[in-house]
């Protein structure tokens, strides 16, 4: 697949899959139904995404739920950035499915996890073989930022805990005075 071009605010959409309190723990209780097992969205994520619709589903592959596909299509954006709680399932399945539907699919592997190192490695390998583009969350944030002179640059770098965030701020202030 050819490079689809730079990610921007106008051409990319973020799909966050299965970041629920029960899934990262990998616990399962047969007496609970699916909703109780996985639980609500992680509270810290709910706080940041206030006002963004969460679609509860039962399909293993998030892309298998027509409401999710419709929500992504309604954005009009062709670059889909996916993060999923498990690399080999929650991340891989919707990314590969979106790719098959004509989207450029990027997967934030460092914002996803796995129950074993082998599951993570095989999940990434499978996605790469399918044509999905693996990235880190910092790659996505900085690429979308696009310009270190952007007034949001300091916030982006600080949020990413990059040690040179102060330098970017100083440079921005210096060049904005000229």
N, C-alpha and C. Protein backbone atom coordinates (compact mmCIF):
# COMPACT_ATOMS: atom_id res chain seq x y z
N UNK A 1 0.84 -1.19 0.00
CA UNK A 1 0.00 0.00 0.00
C UNK A 1 0.88 1.24 0.00
N UNK A 2 0.56 2.18 -0.81
CA UNK A 2 1.29 3.44 -0.89
C UNK A 2 0.95 4.30 0.34
N UNK A 3 1.88 5.16 0.70
CA UNK A 3 1.66 6.07 1.82
C UNK A 3 0.44 6.94 1.53
N UNK A 4 -0.56 6.90 2.41
CA UNK A 4 -1.79 7.65 2.13
C UNK A 4 -1.71 9.15 2.42
N UNK A 5 -0.58 9.62 2.90
CA UNK A 5 -0.44 11.04 3.19
C UNK A 5 -0.49 11.30 4.68
N UNK A 6 -0.17 12.51 5.05
CA UNK A 6 -0.08 12.90 6.46
C UNK A 6 -1.44 12.89 7.13
N UNK A 7 -1.44 12.44 8.39
CA UNK A 7 -2.65 12.51 9.20
C UNK A 7 -2.89 13.96 9.61
N UNK A 8 -4.14 14.39 9.49
CA UNK A 8 -4.52 15.73 9.92
C UNK A 8 -5.82 15.64 10.71
N UNK A 9 -6.18 16.74 11.33
CA UNK A 9 -7.46 16.80 12.05
C UNK A 9 -8.65 16.62 11.11
N UNK A 10 -8.44 16.99 9.86
CA UNK A 10 -9.53 16.94 8.90
C UNK A 10 -9.68 15.62 8.16
N UNK A 11 -8.63 14.77 8.21
CA UNK A 11 -8.73 13.53 7.44
C UNK A 11 -8.65 12.26 8.28
N UNK A 12 -8.52 12.40 9.60
CA UNK A 12 -8.38 11.23 10.46
C UNK A 12 -9.48 11.17 11.51
N UNK A 13 -9.84 9.94 11.85
CA UNK A 13 -10.81 9.70 12.91
C UNK A 13 -10.21 8.68 13.86
N UNK A 14 -10.47 8.83 15.15
CA UNK A 14 -9.95 7.94 16.16
C UNK A 14 -11.05 6.97 16.60
N UNK A 15 -10.74 5.68 16.55
CA UNK A 15 -11.65 4.64 17.02
C UNK A 15 -11.02 3.98 18.23
N UNK A 16 -11.63 4.16 19.38
CA UNK A 16 -11.13 3.58 20.64
C UNK A 16 -11.98 2.36 20.94
N UNK A 17 -11.34 1.18 20.98
CA UNK A 17 -12.09 -0.08 21.08
C UNK A 17 -11.83 -0.77 22.42
N UNK A 18 -12.89 -1.00 23.13
CA UNK A 18 -12.92 -1.87 24.32
C UNK A 18 -12.07 -1.41 25.49
N UNK A 19 -11.94 -0.12 25.68
CA UNK A 19 -11.22 0.37 26.85
C UNK A 19 -12.21 0.42 28.02
N UNK A 20 -12.52 -0.77 28.52
CA UNK A 20 -13.48 -0.92 29.60
C UNK A 20 -12.77 -1.50 30.82
N UNK A 21 -13.30 -1.23 31.98
CA UNK A 21 -12.60 -1.57 33.21
C UNK A 21 -12.33 -3.07 33.36
N UNK A 22 -13.18 -3.95 32.83
CA UNK A 22 -12.99 -5.38 33.01
C UNK A 22 -12.01 -6.03 32.06
N UNK A 23 -11.88 -5.50 30.86
CA UNK A 23 -11.03 -6.15 29.87
C UNK A 23 -9.54 -6.11 30.19
N UNK A 24 -8.99 -4.99 30.62
CA UNK A 24 -7.55 -5.00 30.90
C UNK A 24 -7.16 -6.00 31.98
N UNK A 25 -8.09 -6.30 32.87
CA UNK A 25 -7.80 -7.25 33.94
C UNK A 25 -7.81 -8.68 33.44
N UNK A 26 -8.46 -8.92 32.30
CA UNK A 26 -8.52 -10.26 31.74
C UNK A 26 -9.33 -11.22 32.60
N UNK A 27 -10.24 -10.66 33.38
CA UNK A 27 -11.03 -11.53 34.25
C UNK A 27 -12.35 -11.89 33.59
N UNK A 28 -12.82 -13.06 33.89
CA UNK A 28 -14.10 -13.50 33.34
C UNK A 28 -14.86 -14.24 34.42
N UNK A 29 -16.10 -13.89 34.57
CA UNK A 29 -16.98 -14.56 35.52
C UNK A 29 -18.17 -15.08 34.73
N UNK A 30 -18.32 -16.42 34.61
CA UNK A 30 -19.37 -16.99 33.77
C UNK A 30 -20.78 -16.61 34.19
N UNK A 31 -20.96 -16.18 35.42
CA UNK A 31 -22.31 -15.84 35.87
C UNK A 31 -22.71 -14.41 35.51
N UNK A 32 -21.80 -13.65 34.92
CA UNK A 32 -22.11 -12.28 34.53
C UNK A 32 -22.39 -12.21 33.04
N UNK A 33 -23.27 -11.27 32.63
CA UNK A 33 -23.50 -11.10 31.19
C UNK A 33 -22.36 -10.26 30.61
N UNK A 34 -22.36 -10.09 29.29
CA UNK A 34 -21.25 -9.41 28.61
C UNK A 34 -21.01 -8.01 29.16
N UNK A 35 -22.04 -7.23 29.34
CA UNK A 35 -21.90 -5.83 29.80
C UNK A 35 -21.28 -5.78 31.19
N UNK A 36 -21.71 -6.67 32.07
CA UNK A 36 -21.16 -6.66 33.42
C UNK A 36 -19.71 -7.14 33.42
N UNK A 37 -19.39 -8.05 32.54
CA UNK A 37 -18.03 -8.59 32.47
C UNK A 37 -17.03 -7.53 32.09
N UNK A 38 -17.30 -6.85 31.02
CA UNK A 38 -16.33 -5.87 30.54
C UNK A 38 -16.44 -4.55 31.26
N UNK A 39 -17.62 -4.24 31.76
CA UNK A 39 -17.81 -3.03 32.53
C UNK A 39 -17.90 -1.78 31.69
N UNK A 40 -18.02 -0.65 32.38
CA UNK A 40 -18.11 0.63 31.68
C UNK A 40 -16.75 1.06 31.14
N UNK A 41 -16.77 2.07 30.30
CA UNK A 41 -15.53 2.65 29.78
C UNK A 41 -14.68 3.13 30.96
N UNK A 42 -13.38 2.99 30.84
CA UNK A 42 -12.45 3.41 31.89
C UNK A 42 -12.77 4.85 32.28
N UNK A 43 -12.98 5.12 33.58
CA UNK A 43 -13.43 6.45 34.01
C UNK A 43 -12.58 7.60 33.52
N UNK A 44 -11.26 7.46 33.53
CA UNK A 44 -10.39 8.54 33.07
C UNK A 44 -10.61 8.84 31.59
N UNK A 45 -10.90 7.80 30.82
CA UNK A 45 -11.18 7.98 29.40
C UNK A 45 -12.54 8.62 29.21
N UNK A 46 -13.53 8.22 30.01
CA UNK A 46 -14.86 8.84 29.95
C UNK A 46 -14.76 10.34 30.19
N UNK A 47 -13.91 10.71 31.14
CA UNK A 47 -13.75 12.12 31.49
C UNK A 47 -13.19 12.92 30.32
N UNK A 48 -12.19 12.37 29.65
CA UNK A 48 -11.57 13.06 28.52
C UNK A 48 -12.50 13.10 27.32
N UNK A 49 -13.28 12.05 27.12
CA UNK A 49 -14.15 11.95 25.95
C UNK A 49 -15.58 12.41 26.24
N UNK A 50 -15.73 13.22 27.25
CA UNK A 50 -17.07 13.70 27.63
C UNK A 50 -17.82 14.22 26.41
N UNK A 51 -19.00 13.69 26.21
CA UNK A 51 -19.82 14.12 25.09
C UNK A 51 -19.64 13.31 23.82
N UNK A 52 -18.66 12.41 23.79
CA UNK A 52 -18.45 11.54 22.63
C UNK A 52 -19.26 10.27 22.85
N UNK A 53 -19.97 9.85 21.83
CA UNK A 53 -20.81 8.66 21.95
C UNK A 53 -19.99 7.38 22.11
N UNK A 54 -20.36 6.58 23.09
CA UNK A 54 -19.78 5.24 23.26
C UNK A 54 -20.82 4.25 22.75
N UNK A 55 -20.40 3.38 21.86
CA UNK A 55 -21.30 2.39 21.29
C UNK A 55 -21.03 1.05 21.96
N UNK A 56 -21.99 0.60 22.74
CA UNK A 56 -21.86 -0.72 23.37
C UNK A 56 -22.28 -1.77 22.36
N UNK A 57 -21.51 -2.85 22.30
CA UNK A 57 -21.78 -3.87 21.31
C UNK A 57 -21.44 -5.24 21.87
N UNK A 58 -21.83 -6.26 21.14
CA UNK A 58 -21.48 -7.63 21.53
C UNK A 58 -20.59 -8.31 20.50
N UNK A 59 -20.38 -7.70 19.35
CA UNK A 59 -19.54 -8.32 18.32
C UNK A 59 -18.09 -8.34 18.77
N UNK A 60 -17.39 -9.42 18.46
CA UNK A 60 -15.96 -9.51 18.79
C UNK A 60 -15.20 -8.46 18.01
N UNK A 61 -15.47 -8.34 16.73
CA UNK A 61 -14.83 -7.35 15.89
C UNK A 61 -15.70 -6.09 15.92
N UNK A 62 -15.15 -5.01 16.44
CA UNK A 62 -15.92 -3.76 16.53
C UNK A 62 -16.47 -3.34 15.17
N UNK A 63 -15.72 -3.61 14.10
CA UNK A 63 -16.15 -3.23 12.76
C UNK A 63 -17.34 -4.08 12.31
N UNK A 64 -17.64 -5.14 13.02
CA UNK A 64 -18.80 -5.98 12.71
C UNK A 64 -20.11 -5.38 13.18
N UNK A 65 -20.06 -4.30 13.93
CA UNK A 65 -21.27 -3.61 14.37
C UNK A 65 -21.54 -2.48 13.40
N UNK A 66 -22.66 -2.54 12.67
CA UNK A 66 -22.97 -1.52 11.66
C UNK A 66 -23.02 -0.09 12.22
N UNK A 67 -23.34 0.07 13.49
CA UNK A 67 -23.39 1.41 14.08
C UNK A 67 -22.01 2.06 14.11
N UNK A 68 -20.99 1.24 14.32
CA UNK A 68 -19.62 1.76 14.35
C UNK A 68 -19.19 2.16 12.94
N UNK A 69 -19.44 1.29 11.99
CA UNK A 69 -19.09 1.58 10.60
C UNK A 69 -19.81 2.85 10.15
N UNK A 70 -21.07 2.98 10.47
CA UNK A 70 -21.85 4.16 10.09
C UNK A 70 -21.28 5.42 10.75
N UNK A 71 -20.94 5.33 12.02
CA UNK A 71 -20.38 6.50 12.73
C UNK A 71 -19.07 6.95 12.07
N UNK A 72 -18.22 6.00 11.70
CA UNK A 72 -16.96 6.36 11.04
C UNK A 72 -17.24 6.95 9.66
N UNK A 73 -18.13 6.32 8.90
CA UNK A 73 -18.46 6.83 7.56
C UNK A 73 -18.99 8.25 7.62
N UNK A 74 -19.80 8.56 8.64
CA UNK A 74 -20.38 9.89 8.76
C UNK A 74 -19.34 10.98 9.00
N UNK A 75 -18.15 10.61 9.44
CA UNK A 75 -17.11 11.63 9.62
C UNK A 75 -16.56 12.10 8.28
N UNK A 76 -16.70 11.26 7.24
CA UNK A 76 -16.17 11.60 5.92
C UNK A 76 -14.66 11.48 5.84
N UNK A 77 -14.03 10.94 6.85
CA UNK A 77 -12.57 10.83 6.89
C UNK A 77 -12.13 9.44 6.47
N UNK A 78 -11.05 9.36 5.72
CA UNK A 78 -10.60 8.08 5.17
C UNK A 78 -9.41 7.48 5.92
N UNK A 79 -8.85 8.19 6.88
CA UNK A 79 -7.78 7.65 7.72
C UNK A 79 -8.37 7.30 9.07
N UNK A 80 -8.25 6.04 9.46
CA UNK A 80 -8.80 5.62 10.74
C UNK A 80 -7.64 5.20 11.64
N UNK A 81 -7.57 5.83 12.80
CA UNK A 81 -6.56 5.52 13.80
C UNK A 81 -7.27 4.71 14.88
N UNK A 82 -6.78 3.51 15.11
CA UNK A 82 -7.46 2.59 16.03
C UNK A 82 -6.57 2.31 17.23
N UNK A 83 -7.19 2.25 18.38
CA UNK A 83 -6.55 1.72 19.57
C UNK A 83 -7.52 0.74 20.20
N UNK A 84 -6.99 -0.36 20.67
CA UNK A 84 -7.84 -1.39 21.26
C UNK A 84 -7.15 -1.97 22.47
N UNK A 85 -7.94 -2.40 23.41
CA UNK A 85 -7.35 -2.89 24.66
C UNK A 85 -6.45 -4.10 24.43
N UNK A 86 -6.82 -4.98 23.50
CA UNK A 86 -5.94 -6.11 23.18
C UNK A 86 -5.46 -5.98 21.74
N UNK A 87 -4.16 -6.08 21.56
CA UNK A 87 -3.55 -5.88 20.25
C UNK A 87 -4.03 -6.88 19.21
N UNK A 88 -4.12 -8.16 19.60
CA UNK A 88 -4.42 -9.21 18.63
C UNK A 88 -5.89 -9.33 18.27
N UNK A 89 -6.79 -8.75 19.06
CA UNK A 89 -8.23 -8.85 18.77
C UNK A 89 -8.86 -7.47 18.66
N UNK A 90 -8.95 -6.75 19.76
CA UNK A 90 -9.65 -5.46 19.79
C UNK A 90 -9.03 -4.44 18.84
N UNK A 91 -7.73 -4.52 18.66
CA UNK A 91 -7.03 -3.60 17.76
C UNK A 91 -6.99 -4.15 16.34
N UNK A 92 -6.56 -5.40 16.20
CA UNK A 92 -6.32 -5.98 14.87
C UNK A 92 -7.58 -6.15 14.04
N UNK A 93 -8.63 -6.71 14.62
CA UNK A 93 -9.81 -7.04 13.83
C UNK A 93 -10.46 -5.82 13.19
N UNK A 94 -10.78 -4.76 13.95
CA UNK A 94 -11.41 -3.61 13.28
C UNK A 94 -10.46 -2.88 12.33
N UNK A 95 -9.17 -2.85 12.65
CA UNK A 95 -8.22 -2.17 11.75
C UNK A 95 -8.15 -2.89 10.41
N UNK A 96 -8.04 -4.21 10.44
CA UNK A 96 -7.97 -4.97 9.18
C UNK A 96 -9.29 -4.88 8.42
N UNK A 97 -10.40 -4.86 9.13
CA UNK A 97 -11.70 -4.75 8.47
C UNK A 97 -11.90 -3.38 7.84
N UNK A 98 -11.48 -2.33 8.55
CA UNK A 98 -11.57 -0.98 7.99
C UNK A 98 -10.69 -0.86 6.75
N UNK A 99 -9.51 -1.45 6.81
CA UNK A 99 -8.61 -1.47 5.66
C UNK A 99 -9.29 -2.14 4.47
N UNK A 100 -9.93 -3.28 4.72
CA UNK A 100 -10.63 -4.00 3.65
C UNK A 100 -11.77 -3.17 3.06
N UNK A 101 -12.32 -2.25 3.87
CA UNK A 101 -13.40 -1.38 3.40
C UNK A 101 -12.89 -0.09 2.77
N UNK A 102 -11.57 0.01 2.53
CA UNK A 102 -11.03 1.15 1.80
C UNK A 102 -10.44 2.26 2.64
N UNK A 103 -10.36 2.09 3.94
CA UNK A 103 -9.75 3.10 4.80
C UNK A 103 -8.26 2.85 4.92
N UNK A 104 -7.49 3.90 5.13
CA UNK A 104 -6.10 3.74 5.54
C UNK A 104 -6.18 3.51 7.05
N UNK A 105 -5.66 2.38 7.50
CA UNK A 105 -5.80 2.01 8.90
C UNK A 105 -4.47 2.11 9.63
N UNK A 106 -4.46 2.89 10.69
CA UNK A 106 -3.29 3.06 11.55
C UNK A 106 -3.64 2.47 12.91
N UNK A 107 -2.71 1.73 13.51
CA UNK A 107 -2.99 1.16 14.82
C UNK A 107 -1.95 1.63 15.83
N UNK A 108 -2.43 2.19 16.92
CA UNK A 108 -1.54 2.67 17.97
C UNK A 108 -1.20 1.50 18.89
N UNK A 109 -0.11 0.84 18.56
CA UNK A 109 0.24 -0.38 19.29
C UNK A 109 0.66 -0.10 20.73
N UNK A 110 1.18 1.07 21.01
CA UNK A 110 1.58 1.36 22.39
C UNK A 110 0.42 1.86 23.25
N UNK A 111 -0.73 2.04 22.66
CA UNK A 111 -1.93 2.39 23.41
C UNK A 111 -2.86 1.18 23.48
N UNK A 112 -2.30 0.02 23.24
CA UNK A 112 -3.02 -1.24 23.28
C UNK A 112 -2.17 -2.22 24.09
N UNK A 113 -2.75 -3.32 24.46
CA UNK A 113 -2.01 -4.29 25.27
C UNK A 113 -2.26 -5.69 24.80
N UNK A 114 -1.78 -6.64 25.56
CA UNK A 114 -1.98 -8.05 25.24
C UNK A 114 -1.80 -8.86 26.51
N UNK A 115 -2.35 -10.05 26.48
CA UNK A 115 -2.22 -10.92 27.64
C UNK A 115 -0.89 -11.67 27.61
N UNK A 116 -0.17 -11.60 26.50
CA UNK A 116 1.18 -12.17 26.43
C UNK A 116 1.96 -11.42 25.35
N UNK A 117 3.26 -11.48 25.45
CA UNK A 117 4.13 -10.84 24.46
C UNK A 117 3.90 -11.46 23.09
N UNK A 118 3.72 -12.77 23.04
CA UNK A 118 3.50 -13.45 21.77
C UNK A 118 2.20 -13.00 21.11
N UNK A 119 1.14 -12.83 21.88
CA UNK A 119 -0.12 -12.35 21.31
C UNK A 119 0.06 -10.97 20.71
N UNK A 120 0.79 -10.10 21.40
CA UNK A 120 1.03 -8.75 20.87
C UNK A 120 1.83 -8.81 19.58
N UNK A 121 2.90 -9.58 19.58
CA UNK A 121 3.75 -9.68 18.39
C UNK A 121 3.00 -10.28 17.20
N UNK A 122 2.24 -11.33 17.44
CA UNK A 122 1.49 -11.97 16.34
C UNK A 122 0.39 -11.04 15.84
N UNK A 123 -0.24 -10.29 16.74
CA UNK A 123 -1.26 -9.33 16.33
C UNK A 123 -0.69 -8.26 15.42
N UNK A 124 0.45 -7.70 15.80
CA UNK A 124 1.10 -6.67 14.98
C UNK A 124 1.55 -7.27 13.65
N UNK A 125 2.14 -8.45 13.71
CA UNK A 125 2.61 -9.09 12.48
C UNK A 125 1.45 -9.33 11.51
N UNK A 126 0.34 -9.80 12.03
CA UNK A 126 -0.82 -10.05 11.19
C UNK A 126 -1.33 -8.76 10.55
N UNK A 127 -1.38 -7.69 11.35
CA UNK A 127 -1.85 -6.41 10.81
C UNK A 127 -0.91 -5.88 9.73
N UNK A 128 0.38 -5.95 9.97
CA UNK A 128 1.35 -5.46 8.99
C UNK A 128 1.22 -6.25 7.70
N UNK A 129 1.08 -7.57 7.80
CA UNK A 129 0.92 -8.39 6.60
C UNK A 129 -0.34 -8.02 5.83
N UNK A 130 -1.36 -7.56 6.54
CA UNK A 130 -2.60 -7.16 5.90
C UNK A 130 -2.52 -5.76 5.28
N UNK A 131 -1.51 -4.97 5.69
CA UNK A 131 -1.35 -3.62 5.16
C UNK A 131 -1.70 -2.51 6.13
N UNK A 132 -2.00 -2.85 7.36
CA UNK A 132 -2.27 -1.86 8.39
C UNK A 132 -0.95 -1.19 8.78
N UNK A 133 -1.01 0.08 9.13
CA UNK A 133 0.19 0.85 9.48
C UNK A 133 0.30 0.95 11.00
N UNK A 134 1.29 0.28 11.62
CA UNK A 134 1.45 0.40 13.07
C UNK A 134 2.15 1.72 13.42
N UNK A 135 1.65 2.39 14.45
CA UNK A 135 2.22 3.65 14.92
C UNK A 135 2.19 3.67 16.44
N UNK A 136 2.81 4.68 17.00
CA UNK A 136 2.73 4.95 18.44
C UNK A 136 1.86 6.20 18.62
N UNK A 137 1.30 6.35 19.82
CA UNK A 137 0.41 7.49 20.03
C UNK A 137 1.14 8.81 19.82
N UNK A 138 2.44 8.86 20.14
CA UNK A 138 3.18 10.11 19.92
C UNK A 138 3.32 10.42 18.43
N UNK A 139 3.49 9.38 17.59
CA UNK A 139 3.56 9.60 16.15
C UNK A 139 2.30 10.30 15.67
N UNK A 140 1.16 9.79 16.11
CA UNK A 140 -0.13 10.32 15.67
C UNK A 140 -0.32 11.75 16.16
N UNK A 141 -0.06 12.00 17.43
CA UNK A 141 -0.27 13.34 17.98
C UNK A 141 0.61 14.39 17.30
N UNK A 142 1.88 14.06 17.12
CA UNK A 142 2.79 15.03 16.52
C UNK A 142 2.51 15.21 15.03
N UNK A 143 2.15 14.13 14.34
CA UNK A 143 1.82 14.24 12.92
C UNK A 143 0.59 15.11 12.72
N UNK A 144 -0.42 14.92 13.56
CA UNK A 144 -1.63 15.75 13.45
C UNK A 144 -1.33 17.19 13.84
N UNK A 145 -0.47 17.40 14.83
CA UNK A 145 -0.05 18.75 15.20
C UNK A 145 0.49 19.48 13.98
N UNK A 146 1.42 18.82 13.27
CA UNK A 146 1.88 19.31 11.98
C UNK A 146 2.87 20.44 11.96
N UNK A 147 2.87 21.29 12.97
CA UNK A 147 3.75 22.46 12.95
C UNK A 147 4.10 22.83 14.39
N UNK A 148 5.38 22.88 14.69
CA UNK A 148 5.79 23.23 16.05
C UNK A 148 5.49 24.68 16.41
N UNK A 149 5.13 25.48 15.41
CA UNK A 149 4.73 26.86 15.69
C UNK A 149 3.25 26.93 16.07
N UNK A 150 2.56 25.84 15.97
CA UNK A 150 1.16 25.78 16.36
C UNK A 150 1.05 26.14 17.84
N UNK A 151 0.12 27.00 18.22
CA UNK A 151 -0.03 27.37 19.63
C UNK A 151 -0.28 26.17 20.55
N UNK A 152 -0.74 25.06 20.01
CA UNK A 152 -1.01 23.87 20.83
C UNK A 152 0.22 22.98 21.00
N UNK A 153 1.34 23.33 20.37
CA UNK A 153 2.53 22.47 20.39
C UNK A 153 2.99 22.16 21.81
N UNK A 154 3.08 23.16 22.66
CA UNK A 154 3.54 22.92 24.02
C UNK A 154 2.62 21.95 24.75
N UNK A 155 1.33 22.12 24.56
CA UNK A 155 0.37 21.22 25.22
C UNK A 155 0.53 19.79 24.71
N UNK A 156 0.72 19.64 23.41
CA UNK A 156 0.88 18.31 22.83
C UNK A 156 2.13 17.64 23.38
N UNK A 157 3.26 18.33 23.31
CA UNK A 157 4.51 17.74 23.78
C UNK A 157 4.49 17.48 25.29
N UNK A 158 3.88 18.39 26.04
CA UNK A 158 3.77 18.18 27.49
C UNK A 158 2.90 16.97 27.80
N UNK A 159 1.80 16.84 27.09
CA UNK A 159 0.91 15.70 27.32
C UNK A 159 1.60 14.38 26.97
N UNK A 160 2.53 14.44 26.04
CA UNK A 160 3.27 13.24 25.64
C UNK A 160 4.48 13.00 26.55
N UNK A 161 4.67 13.88 27.54
CA UNK A 161 5.80 13.79 28.47
C UNK A 161 7.13 13.80 27.75
N UNK A 162 7.20 14.58 26.69
CA UNK A 162 8.46 14.70 25.95
C UNK A 162 9.30 15.77 26.64
N UNK A 163 10.55 15.46 26.94
CA UNK A 163 11.37 16.36 27.73
C UNK A 163 11.68 17.70 27.07
N UNK A 164 11.46 17.82 25.78
CA UNK A 164 11.79 19.07 25.10
C UNK A 164 10.57 19.98 24.91
N UNK A 165 9.49 19.71 25.64
CA UNK A 165 8.29 20.55 25.51
C UNK A 165 8.59 22.01 25.80
N UNK A 166 9.40 22.26 26.83
CA UNK A 166 9.77 23.63 27.17
C UNK A 166 10.55 24.30 26.06
N UNK A 167 11.40 23.54 25.38
CA UNK A 167 12.18 24.08 24.26
C UNK A 167 11.26 24.51 23.13
N UNK A 168 10.26 23.71 22.82
CA UNK A 168 9.31 24.06 21.77
C UNK A 168 8.59 25.35 22.12
N UNK A 169 8.19 25.49 23.38
CA UNK A 169 7.52 26.72 23.82
C UNK A 169 8.44 27.92 23.66
N UNK A 170 9.67 27.77 24.08
CA UNK A 170 10.63 28.89 23.98
C UNK A 170 10.87 29.28 22.53
N UNK A 171 11.01 28.28 21.66
CA UNK A 171 11.20 28.57 20.24
C UNK A 171 9.98 29.26 19.65
N UNK A 172 8.79 28.79 20.02
CA UNK A 172 7.56 29.42 19.53
C UNK A 172 7.50 30.88 19.97
N UNK A 173 7.82 31.13 21.21
CA UNK A 173 7.79 32.51 21.71
C UNK A 173 8.82 33.36 20.99
N UNK A 174 10.00 32.82 20.76
CA UNK A 174 11.05 33.55 20.07
C UNK A 174 10.62 33.93 18.65
N UNK A 175 10.11 32.95 17.91
CA UNK A 175 9.76 33.20 16.51
C UNK A 175 8.47 34.00 16.37
N UNK A 176 7.60 33.96 17.35
CA UNK A 176 6.36 34.74 17.25
C UNK A 176 6.63 36.22 17.48
N UNK A 177 7.75 36.56 18.09
CA UNK A 177 8.12 37.96 18.32
C UNK A 177 8.71 38.59 17.06
N UNK A 178 9.14 37.78 16.13
CA UNK A 178 9.80 38.32 14.93
C UNK A 178 8.82 38.69 13.86
